[in-house]
Amino acid sequence: KENVPKTIDQTLNPDEETMLSIYKMA
């Protein structure tokens, strides 16, 4: 799971709450 942030579209620049949402969609 720690590798997921490296995959995110660079235009998003997610905050902590958004990251939780991204983890769930991933």
mmCIF file of all heavy atoms, coordinates in Angstrom:
data_MODEL
# 
_entry.id   MODEL 
# 
loop_
_atom_site.group_PDB 
_atom_site.id 
_atom_site.type_symbol 
_atom_site.label_atom_id 
_atom_site.label_alt_id 
_atom_site.label_comp_id 
_atom_site.label_asym_id 
_atom_site.label_entity_id 
_atom_site.label_seq_id 
_atom_site.pdbx_PDB_ins_code 
_atom_site.Cartn_x 
_atom_site.Cartn_y 
_atom_site.Cartn_z 
_atom_site.occupancy 
_atom_site.B_iso_or_equiv 
_atom_site.pdbx_formal_charge 
_atom_site.auth_seq_id 
_atom_site.auth_comp_id 
_atom_site.auth_asym_id 
_atom_site.auth_atom_id 
_atom_site.pdbx_PDB_model_num 
ATOM 1   N N   . LYS A 1 1  ? 0.820   -1.215 0.000   1.00 0.00 ? 1  LYS A N   1 
ATOM 2   C CA  . LYS A 1 1  ? 0.000   0.000  0.000   1.00 0.00 ? 1  LYS A CA  1 
ATOM 3   C C   . LYS A 1 1  ? 0.853   1.265  0.000   1.00 0.00 ? 1  LYS A C   1 
ATOM 4   O O   . LYS A 1 1  ? 0.455   2.294  -0.554  1.00 0.00 ? 1  LYS A O   1 
ATOM 5   C CB  . LYS A 1 1  ? -0.920  -0.016 1.220   1.00 0.00 ? 1  LYS A CB  1 
ATOM 6   C CG  . LYS A 1 1  ? -1.880  1.155  1.309   1.00 0.00 ? 1  LYS A CG  1 
ATOM 7   C CD  . LYS A 1 1  ? -2.763  1.024  2.537   1.00 0.00 ? 1  LYS A CD  1 
ATOM 8   C CE  . LYS A 1 1  ? -3.683  2.225  2.692   1.00 0.00 ? 1  LYS A CE  1 
ATOM 9   N NZ  . LYS A 1 1  ? -4.537  2.119  3.902   1.00 0.00 ? 1  LYS A NZ  1 
ATOM 10  N N   . GLU A 1 2  ? 2.026   1.189  0.586   1.00 0.00 ? 2  GLU A N   1 
ATOM 11  C CA  . GLU A 1 2  ? 2.892   2.375  0.672   1.00 0.00 ? 2  GLU A CA  1 
ATOM 12  C C   . GLU A 1 2  ? 3.352   2.852  -0.693  1.00 0.00 ? 2  GLU A C   1 
ATOM 13  O O   . GLU A 1 2  ? 3.790   4.003  -0.839  1.00 0.00 ? 2  GLU A O   1 
ATOM 14  C CB  . GLU A 1 2  ? 4.106   2.074  1.557   1.00 0.00 ? 2  GLU A CB  1 
ATOM 15  C CG  . GLU A 1 2  ? 3.750   1.811  3.019   1.00 0.00 ? 2  GLU A CG  1 
ATOM 16  C CD  . GLU A 1 2  ? 4.971   1.496  3.866   1.00 0.00 ? 2  GLU A CD  1 
ATOM 17  O OE1 . GLU A 1 2  ? 6.093   1.451  3.287   1.00 0.00 ? 2  GLU A OE1 1 
ATOM 18  O OE2 . GLU A 1 2  ? 4.814   1.304  5.085   1.00 0.00 ? 2  GLU A OE2 1 
ATOM 19  N N   . ASN A 1 3  ? 3.255   1.998  -1.696  1.00 0.00 ? 3  ASN A N   1 
ATOM 20  C CA  . ASN A 1 3  ? 3.694   2.376  -3.042  1.00 0.00 ? 3  ASN A CA  1 
ATOM 21  C C   . ASN A 1 3  ? 2.620   3.113  -3.833  1.00 0.00 ? 3  ASN A C   1 
ATOM 22  O O   . ASN A 1 3  ? 2.915   3.718  -4.867  1.00 0.00 ? 3  ASN A O   1 
ATOM 23  C CB  . ASN A 1 3  ? 4.122   1.133  -3.828  1.00 0.00 ? 3  ASN A CB  1 
ATOM 24  C CG  . ASN A 1 3  ? 5.392   0.514  -3.278  1.00 0.00 ? 3  ASN A CG  1 
ATOM 25  O OD1 . ASN A 1 3  ? 6.264   1.220  -2.762  1.00 0.00 ? 3  ASN A OD1 1 
ATOM 26  N ND2 . ASN A 1 3  ? 5.505   -0.796 -3.374  1.00 0.00 ? 3  ASN A ND2 1 
ATOM 27  N N   . VAL A 1 4  ? 1.372   3.054  -3.361  1.00 0.00 ? 4  VAL A N   1 
ATOM 28  C CA  . VAL A 1 4  ? 0.266   3.648  -4.109  1.00 0.00 ? 4  VAL A CA  1 
ATOM 29  C C   . VAL A 1 4  ? 0.476   5.143  -4.387  1.00 0.00 ? 4  VAL A C   1 
ATOM 30  O O   . VAL A 1 4  ? 0.217   5.598  -5.514  1.00 0.00 ? 4  VAL A O   1 
ATOM 31  C CB  . VAL A 1 4  ? -1.078  3.401  -3.392  1.00 0.00 ? 4  VAL A CB  1 
ATOM 32  C CG1 . VAL A 1 4  ? -2.206  4.185  -4.056  1.00 0.00 ? 4  VAL A CG1 1 
ATOM 33  C CG2 . VAL A 1 4  ? -1.410  1.913  -3.393  1.00 0.00 ? 4  VAL A CG2 1 
ATOM 34  N N   . PRO A 1 5  ? 0.925   5.945  -3.394  1.00 0.00 ? 5  PRO A N   1 
ATOM 35  C CA  . PRO A 1 5  ? 1.098   7.383  -3.686  1.00 0.00 ? 5  PRO A CA  1 
ATOM 36  C C   . PRO A 1 5  ? 2.012   7.666  -4.879  1.00 0.00 ? 5  PRO A C   1 
ATOM 37  O O   . PRO A 1 5  ? 1.859   8.699  -5.543  1.00 0.00 ? 5  PRO A O   1 
ATOM 38  C CB  . PRO A 1 5  ? 1.700   7.930  -2.385  1.00 0.00 ? 5  PRO A CB  1 
ATOM 39  C CG  . PRO A 1 5  ? 1.191   7.006  -1.325  1.00 0.00 ? 5  PRO A CG  1 
ATOM 40  C CD  . PRO A 1 5  ? 1.169   5.644  -1.970  1.00 0.00 ? 5  PRO A CD  1 
ATOM 41  N N   . LYS A 1 6  ? 2.934   6.755  -5.178  1.00 0.00 ? 6  LYS A N   1 
ATOM 42  C CA  . LYS A 1 6  ? 3.856   6.964  -6.297  1.00 0.00 ? 6  LYS A CA  1 
ATOM 43  C C   . LYS A 1 6  ? 3.150   6.803  -7.649  1.00 0.00 ? 6  LYS A C   1 
ATOM 44  O O   . LYS A 1 6  ? 3.690   7.228  -8.680  1.00 0.00 ? 6  LYS A O   1 
ATOM 45  C CB  . LYS A 1 6  ? 5.013   5.963  -6.218  1.00 0.00 ? 6  LYS A CB  1 
ATOM 46  C CG  . LYS A 1 6  ? 5.825   6.056  -4.936  1.00 0.00 ? 6  LYS A CG  1 
ATOM 47  C CD  . LYS A 1 6  ? 6.869   4.942  -4.879  1.00 0.00 ? 6  LYS A CD  1 
ATOM 48  C CE  . LYS A 1 6  ? 7.607   4.940  -3.548  1.00 0.00 ? 6  LYS A CE  1 
ATOM 49  N NZ  . LYS A 1 6  ? 8.571   3.820  -3.450  1.00 0.00 ? 6  LYS A NZ  1 
ATOM 50  N N   . THR A 1 7  ? 1.964   6.199  -7.643  1.00 0.00 ? 7  THR A N   1 
ATOM 51  C CA  . THR A 1 7  ? 1.253   5.939  -8.895  1.00 0.00 ? 7  THR A CA  1 
ATOM 52  C C   . THR A 1 7  ? 0.259   7.045  -9.255  1.00 0.00 ? 7  THR A C   1 
ATOM 53  O O   . THR A 1 7  ? -0.246  7.082  -10.364 1.00 0.00 ? 7  THR A O   1 
ATOM 54  C CB  . THR A 1 7  ? 0.460   4.622  -8.810  1.00 0.00 ? 7  THR A CB  1 
ATOM 55  O OG1 . THR A 1 7  ? -0.674  4.792  -7.941  1.00 0.00 ? 7  THR A OG1 1 
ATOM 56  C CG2 . THR A 1 7  ? 1.323   3.493  -8.282  1.00 0.00 ? 7  THR A CG2 1 
ATOM 57  N N   . ILE A 1 8  ? -0.025  7.943  -8.321  1.00 0.00 ? 8  ILE A N   1 
ATOM 58  C CA  . ILE A 1 8  ? -1.122  8.896  -8.496  1.00 0.00 ? 8  ILE A CA  1 
ATOM 59  C C   . ILE A 1 8  ? -0.785  9.951  -9.541  1.00 0.00 ? 8  ILE A C   1 
ATOM 60  O O   . ILE A 1 8  ? 0.356   10.417 -9.641  1.00 0.00 ? 8  ILE A O   1 
ATOM 61  C CB  . ILE A 1 8  ? -1.439  9.567  -7.144  1.00 0.00 ? 8  ILE A CB  1 
ATOM 62  C CG1 . ILE A 1 8  ? -1.925  8.509  -6.142  1.00 0.00 ? 8  ILE A CG1 1 
ATOM 63  C CG2 . ILE A 1 8  ? -2.499  10.649 -7.298  1.00 0.00 ? 8  ILE A CG2 1 
ATOM 64  C CD1 . ILE A 1 8  ? -2.015  9.035  -4.730  1.00 0.00 ? 8  ILE A CD1 1 
ATOM 65  N N   . ASP A 1 9  ? -1.780  10.325 -10.315 1.00 0.00 ? 9  ASP A N   1 
ATOM 66  C CA  . ASP A 1 9  ? -1.644  11.400 -11.294 1.00 0.00 ? 9  ASP A CA  1 
ATOM 67  C C   . ASP A 1 9  ? -1.070  12.635 -10.602 1.00 0.00 ? 9  ASP A C   1 
ATOM 68  O O   . ASP A 1 9  ? -1.599  13.107 -9.597  1.00 0.00 ? 9  ASP A O   1 
ATOM 69  C CB  . ASP A 1 9  ? -3.027  11.722 -11.879 1.00 0.00 ? 9  ASP A CB  1 
ATOM 70  C CG  . ASP A 1 9  ? -2.959  12.655 -13.077 1.00 0.00 ? 9  ASP A CG  1 
ATOM 71  O OD1 . ASP A 1 9  ? -1.991  13.424 -13.191 1.00 0.00 ? 9  ASP A OD1 1 
ATOM 72  O OD2 . ASP A 1 9  ? -3.900  12.631 -13.887 1.00 0.00 ? 9  ASP A OD2 1 
ATOM 73  N N   . GLN A 1 10 ? 0.019   13.148 -11.124 1.00 0.00 ? 10 GLN A N   1 
ATOM 74  C CA  . GLN A 1 10 ? 0.731   14.256 -10.478 1.00 0.00 ? 10 GLN A CA  1 
ATOM 75  C C   . GLN A 1 10 ? -0.097  15.533 -10.412 1.00 0.00 ? 10 GLN A C   1 
ATOM 76  O O   . GLN A 1 10 ? 0.187   16.417 -9.595  1.00 0.00 ? 10 GLN A O   1 
ATOM 77  C CB  . GLN A 1 10 ? 2.052   14.525 -11.209 1.00 0.00 ? 10 GLN A CB  1 
ATOM 78  C CG  . GLN A 1 10 ? 3.049   13.382 -11.082 1.00 0.00 ? 10 GLN A CG  1 
ATOM 79  C CD  . GLN A 1 10 ? 4.350   13.676 -11.797 1.00 0.00 ? 10 GLN A CD  1 
ATOM 80  O OE1 . GLN A 1 10 ? 4.480   14.680 -12.514 1.00 0.00 ? 10 GLN A OE1 1 
ATOM 81  N NE2 . GLN A 1 10 ? 5.333   12.805 -11.633 1.00 0.00 ? 10 GLN A NE2 1 
ATOM 82  N N   . THR A 1 11 ? -1.126  15.646 -11.229 1.00 0.00 ? 11 THR A N   1 
ATOM 83  C CA  . THR A 1 11 ? -1.955  16.858 -11.207 1.00 0.00 ? 11 THR A CA  1 
ATOM 84  C C   . THR A 1 11 ? -2.880  16.906 -9.999  1.00 0.00 ? 11 THR A C   1 
ATOM 85  O O   . THR A 1 11 ? -3.468  17.950 -9.711  1.00 0.00 ? 11 THR A O   1 
ATOM 86  C CB  . THR A 1 11 ? -2.809  16.972 -12.486 1.00 0.00 ? 11 THR A CB  1 
ATOM 87  O OG1 . THR A 1 11 ? -3.771  15.894 -12.515 1.00 0.00 ? 11 THR A OG1 1 
ATOM 88  C CG2 . THR A 1 11 ? -1.936  16.913 -13.727 1.00 0.00 ? 11 THR A CG2 1 
ATOM 89  N N   . LEU A 1 12 ? -3.021  15.779 -9.275  1.00 0.00 ? 12 LEU A N   1 
ATOM 90  C CA  . LEU A 1 12 ? -3.985  15.723 -8.180  1.00 0.00 ? 12 LEU A CA  1 
ATOM 91  C C   . LEU A 1 12 ? -3.482  16.384 -6.894  1.00 0.00 ? 12 LEU A C   1 
ATOM 92  O O   . LEU A 1 12 ? -4.221  17.072 -6.203  1.00 0.00 ? 12 LEU A O   1 
ATOM 93  C CB  . LEU A 1 12 ? -4.370  14.265 -7.891  1.00 0.00 ? 12 LEU A CB  1 
ATOM 94  C CG  . LEU A 1 12 ? -5.294  13.616 -8.916  1.00 0.00 ? 12 LEU A CG  1 
ATOM 95  C CD1 . LEU A 1 12 ? -5.466  12.124 -8.639  1.00 0.00 ? 12 LEU A CD1 1 
ATOM 96  C CD2 . LEU A 1 12 ? -6.654  14.305 -8.929  1.00 0.00 ? 12 LEU A CD2 1 
ATOM 97  N N   . ASN A 1 13 ? -2.203  16.126 -6.526  1.00 0.00 ? 13 ASN A N   1 
ATOM 98  C CA  . ASN A 1 13 ? -1.640  16.683 -5.295  1.00 0.00 ? 13 ASN A CA  1 
ATOM 99  C C   . ASN A 1 13 ? -2.588  16.474 -4.111  1.00 0.00 ? 13 ASN A C   1 
ATOM 100 O O   . ASN A 1 13 ? -3.062  17.430 -3.482  1.00 0.00 ? 13 ASN A O   1 
ATOM 101 C CB  . ASN A 1 13 ? -1.346  18.177 -5.467  1.00 0.00 ? 13 ASN A CB  1 
ATOM 102 C CG  . ASN A 1 13 ? -0.510  18.731 -4.318  1.00 0.00 ? 13 ASN A CG  1 
ATOM 103 O OD1 . ASN A 1 13 ? 0.237   17.988 -3.663  1.00 0.00 ? 13 ASN A OD1 1 
ATOM 104 N ND2 . ASN A 1 13 ? -0.649  20.021 -4.053  1.00 0.00 ? 13 ASN A ND2 1 
ATOM 105 N N   . PRO A 1 14 ? -2.898  15.207 -3.764  1.00 0.00 ? 14 PRO A N   1 
ATOM 106 C CA  . PRO A 1 14 ? -3.955  14.923 -2.789  1.00 0.00 ? 14 PRO A CA  1 
ATOM 107 C C   . PRO A 1 14 ? -3.562  15.231 -1.349  1.00 0.00 ? 14 PRO A C   1 
ATOM 108 O O   . PRO A 1 14 ? -2.400  15.088 -0.970  1.00 0.00 ? 14 PRO A O   1 
ATOM 109 C CB  . PRO A 1 14 ? -4.190  13.427 -2.964  1.00 0.00 ? 14 PRO A CB  1 
ATOM 110 C CG  . PRO A 1 14 ? -2.868  12.907 -3.440  1.00 0.00 ? 14 PRO A CG  1 
ATOM 111 C CD  . PRO A 1 14 ? -2.285  13.992 -4.300  1.00 0.00 ? 14 PRO A CD  1 
ATOM 112 N N   . ASP A 1 15 ? -4.544  15.641 -0.553  1.00 0.00 ? 15 ASP A N   1 
ATOM 113 C CA  . ASP A 1 15 ? -4.333  15.787 0.878   1.00 0.00 ? 15 ASP A CA  1 
ATOM 114 C C   . ASP A 1 15 ? -4.620  14.440 1.548   1.00 0.00 ? 15 ASP A C   1 
ATOM 115 O O   . ASP A 1 15 ? -4.919  13.445 0.887   1.00 0.00 ? 15 ASP A O   1 
ATOM 116 C CB  . ASP A 1 15 ? -5.222  16.892 1.462   1.00 0.00 ? 15 ASP A CB  1 
ATOM 117 C CG  . ASP A 1 15 ? -6.699  16.670 1.189   1.00 0.00 ? 15 ASP A CG  1 
ATOM 118 O OD1 . ASP A 1 15 ? -7.103  15.511 0.934   1.00 0.00 ? 15 ASP A OD1 1 
ATOM 119 O OD2 . ASP A 1 15 ? -7.466  17.651 1.220   1.00 0.00 ? 15 ASP A OD2 1 
ATOM 120 N N   . GLU A 1 16 ? -4.552  14.393 2.893   1.00 0.00 ? 16 GLU A N   1 
ATOM 121 C CA  . GLU A 1 16 ? -4.685  13.128 3.612   1.00 0.00 ? 16 GLU A CA  1 
ATOM 122 C C   . GLU A 1 16 ? -6.059  12.500 3.402   1.00 0.00 ? 16 GLU A C   1 
ATOM 123 O O   . GLU A 1 16 ? -6.179  11.289 3.182   1.00 0.00 ? 16 GLU A O   1 
ATOM 124 C CB  . GLU A 1 16 ? -4.439  13.356 5.101   1.00 0.00 ? 16 GLU A CB  1 
ATOM 125 C CG  . GLU A 1 16 ? -4.432  12.074 5.926   1.00 0.00 ? 16 GLU A CG  1 
ATOM 126 C CD  . GLU A 1 16 ? -4.067  12.327 7.381   1.00 0.00 ? 16 GLU A CD  1 
ATOM 127 O OE1 . GLU A 1 16 ? -3.557  13.424 7.693   1.00 0.00 ? 16 GLU A OE1 1 
ATOM 128 O OE2 . GLU A 1 16 ? -4.298  11.420 8.209   1.00 0.00 ? 16 GLU A OE2 1 
ATOM 129 N N   . GLU A 1 17 ? -7.121  13.311 3.437   1.00 0.00 ? 17 GLU A N   1 
ATOM 130 C CA  . GLU A 1 17 ? -8.472  12.791 3.252   1.00 0.00 ? 17 GLU A CA  1 
ATOM 131 C C   . GLU A 1 17 ? -8.653  12.230 1.855   1.00 0.00 ? 17 GLU A C   1 
ATOM 132 O O   . GLU A 1 17 ? -9.255  11.162 1.667   1.00 0.00 ? 17 GLU A O   1 
ATOM 133 C CB  . GLU A 1 17 ? -9.502  13.889 3.518   1.00 0.00 ? 17 GLU A CB  1 
ATOM 134 C CG  . GLU A 1 17 ? -10.938 13.397 3.447   1.00 0.00 ? 17 GLU A CG  1 
ATOM 135 C CD  . GLU A 1 17 ? -11.956 14.514 3.665   1.00 0.00 ? 17 GLU A CD  1 
ATOM 136 O OE1 . GLU A 1 17 ? -11.582 15.695 3.544   1.00 0.00 ? 17 GLU A OE1 1 
ATOM 137 O OE2 . GLU A 1 17 ? -13.121 14.193 3.951   1.00 0.00 ? 17 GLU A OE2 1 
ATOM 138 N N   . THR A 1 18 ? -8.126  12.947 0.876   1.00 0.00 ? 18 THR A N   1 
ATOM 139 C CA  . THR A 1 18 ? -8.229  12.470 -0.502  1.00 0.00 ? 18 THR A CA  1 
ATOM 140 C C   . THR A 1 18 ? -7.460  11.168 -0.679  1.00 0.00 ? 18 THR A C   1 
ATOM 141 O O   . THR A 1 18 ? -7.904  10.264 -1.404  1.00 0.00 ? 18 THR A O   1 
ATOM 142 C CB  . THR A 1 18 ? -7.708  13.537 -1.479  1.00 0.00 ? 18 THR A CB  1 
ATOM 143 O OG1 . THR A 1 18 ? -8.462  14.736 -1.318  1.00 0.00 ? 18 THR A OG1 1 
ATOM 144 C CG2 . THR A 1 18 ? -7.825  13.068 -2.918  1.00 0.00 ? 18 THR A CG2 1 
ATOM 145 N N   . MET A 1 19 ? -6.313  11.037 -0.018  1.00 0.00 ? 19 MET A N   1 
ATOM 146 C CA  . MET A 1 19 ? -5.524  9.812  -0.130  1.00 0.00 ? 19 MET A CA  1 
ATOM 147 C C   . MET A 1 19 ? -6.306  8.608  0.372   1.00 0.00 ? 19 MET A C   1 
ATOM 148 O O   . MET A 1 19 ? -6.233  7.523  -0.211  1.00 0.00 ? 19 MET A O   1 
ATOM 149 C CB  . MET A 1 19 ? -4.218  9.936  0.658   1.00 0.00 ? 19 MET A CB  1 
ATOM 150 C CG  . MET A 1 19 ? -3.078  10.577 -0.104  1.00 0.00 ? 19 MET A CG  1 
ATOM 151 S SD  . MET A 1 19 ? -2.718  9.821  -1.717  1.00 0.00 ? 19 MET A SD  1 
ATOM 152 C CE  . MET A 1 19 ? -2.547  8.099  -1.302  1.00 0.00 ? 19 MET A CE  1 
ATOM 153 N N   . LEU A 1 20 ? -7.066  8.770  1.454   1.00 0.00 ? 20 LEU A N   1 
ATOM 154 C CA  . LEU A 1 20 ? -7.878  7.667  1.955   1.00 0.00 ? 20 LEU A CA  1 
ATOM 155 C C   . LEU A 1 20 ? -8.880  7.215  0.899   1.00 0.00 ? 20 LEU A C   1 
ATOM 156 O O   . LEU A 1 20 ? -9.121  6.022  0.715   1.00 0.00 ? 20 LEU A O   1 
ATOM 157 C CB  . LEU A 1 20 ? -8.612  8.093  3.235   1.00 0.00 ? 20 LEU A CB  1 
ATOM 158 C CG  . LEU A 1 20 ? -7.738  8.352  4.462   1.00 0.00 ? 20 LEU A CG  1 
ATOM 159 C CD1 . LEU A 1 20 ? -8.590  8.875  5.620   1.00 0.00 ? 20 LEU A CD1 1 
ATOM 160 C CD2 . LEU A 1 20 ? -6.992  7.090  4.881   1.00 0.00 ? 20 LEU A CD2 1 
ATOM 161 N N   . SER A 1 21 ? -9.463  8.179  0.200   1.00 0.00 ? 21 SER A N   1 
ATOM 162 C CA  . SER A 1 21 ? -10.402 7.876  -0.872  1.00 0.00 ? 21 SER A CA  1 
ATOM 163 C C   . SER A 1 21 ? -9.698  7.170  -2.029  1.00 0.00 ? 21 SER A C   1 
ATOM 164 O O   . SER A 1 21 ? -10.216 6.209  -2.605  1.00 0.00 ? 21 SER A O   1 
ATOM 165 C CB  . SER A 1 21 ? -11.061 9.173  -1.360  1.00 0.00 ? 21 SER A CB  1 
ATOM 166 O OG  . SER A 1 21 ? -11.942 8.923  -2.416  1.00 0.00 ? 21 SER A OG  1 
ATOM 167 N N   . ILE A 1 22 ? -8.496  7.626  -2.355  1.00 0.00 ? 22 ILE A N   1 
ATOM 168 C CA  . ILE A 1 22 ? -7.722  7.010  -3.438  1.00 0.00 ? 22 ILE A CA  1 
ATOM 169 C C   . ILE A 1 22 ? -7.361  5.567  -3.099  1.00 0.00 ? 22 ILE A C   1 
ATOM 170 O O   . ILE A 1 22 ? -7.440  4.670  -3.948  1.00 0.00 ? 22 ILE A O   1 
ATOM 171 C CB  . ILE A 1 22 ? -6.468  7.847  -3.743  1.00 0.00 ? 22 ILE A CB  1 
ATOM 172 C CG1 . ILE A 1 22 ? -6.863  9.182  -4.378  1.00 0.00 ? 22 ILE A CG1 1 
ATOM 173 C CG2 . ILE A 1 22 ? -5.512  7.082  -4.662  1.00 0.00 ? 22 ILE A CG2 1 
ATOM 174 C CD1 . ILE A 1 22 ? -5.702  10.146 -4.574  1.00 0.00 ? 22 ILE A CD1 1 
ATOM 175 N N   . TYR A 1 23 ? -6.967  5.337  -1.848  1.00 0.00 ? 23 TYR A N   1 
ATOM 176 C CA  . TYR A 1 23 ? -6.648  3.970  -1.425  1.00 0.00 ? 23 TYR A CA  1 
ATOM 177 C C   . TYR A 1 23 ? -7.843  3.039  -1.636  1.00 0.00 ? 23 TYR A C   1 
ATOM 178 O O   . TYR A 1 23 ? -7.697  1.900  -2.087  1.00 0.00 ? 23 TYR A O   1 
ATOM 179 C CB  . TYR A 1 23 ? -6.258  3.949  0.056   1.00 0.00 ? 23 TYR A CB  1 
ATOM 180 C CG  . TYR A 1 23 ? -4.855  4.424  0.341   1.00 0.00 ? 23 TYR A CG  1 
ATOM 181 C CD1 . TYR A 1 23 ? -4.607  5.333  1.378   1.00 0.00 ? 23 TYR A CD1 1 
ATOM 182 C CD2 . TYR A 1 23 ? -3.755  3.965  -0.390  1.00 0.00 ? 23 TYR A CD2 1 
ATOM 183 C CE1 . TYR A 1 23 ? -3.322  5.784  1.659   1.00 0.00 ? 23 TYR A CE1 1 
ATOM 184 C CE2 . TYR A 1 23 ? -2.462  4.404  -0.124  1.00 0.00 ? 23 TYR A CE2 1 
ATOM 185 C CZ  . TYR A 1 23 ? -2.256  5.314  0.905   1.00 0.00 ? 23 TYR A CZ  1 
ATOM 186 O OH  . TYR A 1 23 ? -0.986  5.765  1.173   1.00 0.00 ? 23 TYR A OH  1 
ATOM 187 N N   . LYS A 1 24 ? -9.033  3.513  -1.296  1.00 0.00 ? 24 LYS A N   1 
ATOM 188 C CA  . LYS A 1 24 ? -10.233 2.687  -1.424  1.00 0.00 ? 24 LYS A CA  1 
ATOM 189 C C   . LYS A 1 24 ? -10.538 2.390  -2.895  1.00 0.00 ? 24 LYS A C   1 
ATOM 190 O O   . LYS A 1 24 ? -10.909 1.274  -3.249  1.00 0.00 ? 24 LYS A O   1 
ATOM 191 C CB  . LYS A 1 24 ? -11.427 3.363  -0.755  1.00 0.00 ? 24 LYS A CB  1 
ATOM 192 C CG  . LYS A 1 24 ? -11.322 3.394  0.761   1.00 0.00 ? 24 LYS A CG  1 
ATOM 193 C CD  . LYS A 1 24 ? -12.500 4.108  1.407   1.00 0.00 ? 24 LYS A CD  1 
ATOM 194 C CE  . LYS A 1 24 ? -12.362 4.144  2.921   1.00 0.00 ? 24 LYS A CE  1 
ATOM 195 N NZ  . LYS A 1 24 ? -13.468 4.891  3.570   1.00 0.00 ? 24 LYS A NZ  1 
ATOM 196 N N   . MET A 1 25 ? -10.380 3.420  -3.751  1.00 0.00 ? 25 MET A N   1 
ATOM 197 C CA  . MET A 1 25 ? -10.629 3.172  -5.168  1.00 0.00 ? 25 MET A CA  1 
ATOM 198 C C   . MET A 1 25 ? -9.556  2.249  -5.744  1.00 0.00 ? 25 MET A C   1 
ATOM 199 O O   . MET A 1 25 ? -9.851  1.390  -6.587  1.00 0.00 ? 25 MET A O   1 
ATOM 200 C CB  . MET A 1 25 ? -10.684 4.476  -5.967  1.00 0.00 ? 25 MET A CB  1 
ATOM 201 C CG  . MET A 1 25 ? -11.090 4.241  -7.421  1.00 0.00 ? 25 MET A CG  1 
ATOM 202 S SD  . MET A 1 25 ? -10.974 5.666  -8.509  1.00 0.00 ? 25 MET A SD  1 
ATOM 203 C CE  . MET A 1 25 ? -12.508 6.506  -8.128  1.00 0.00 ? 25 MET A CE  1 
ATOM 204 N N   . ALA A 1 26 ? -8.320  2.397  -5.293  1.00 0.00 ? 26 ALA A N   1 
ATOM 205 C CA  . ALA A 1 26 ? -7.236  1.540  -5.775  1.00 0.00 ? 26 ALA A CA  1 
ATOM 206 C C   . ALA A 1 26 ? -7.498  0.085  -5.398  1.00 0.00 ? 26 ALA A C   1 
ATOM 207 O O   . ALA A 1 26 ? -7.314  -0.833 -6.215  1.00 0.00 ? 26 ALA A O   1 
ATOM 208 C CB  . ALA A 1 26 ? -5.907  2.001  -5.199  1.00 0.00 ? 26 ALA A CB  1 
# 
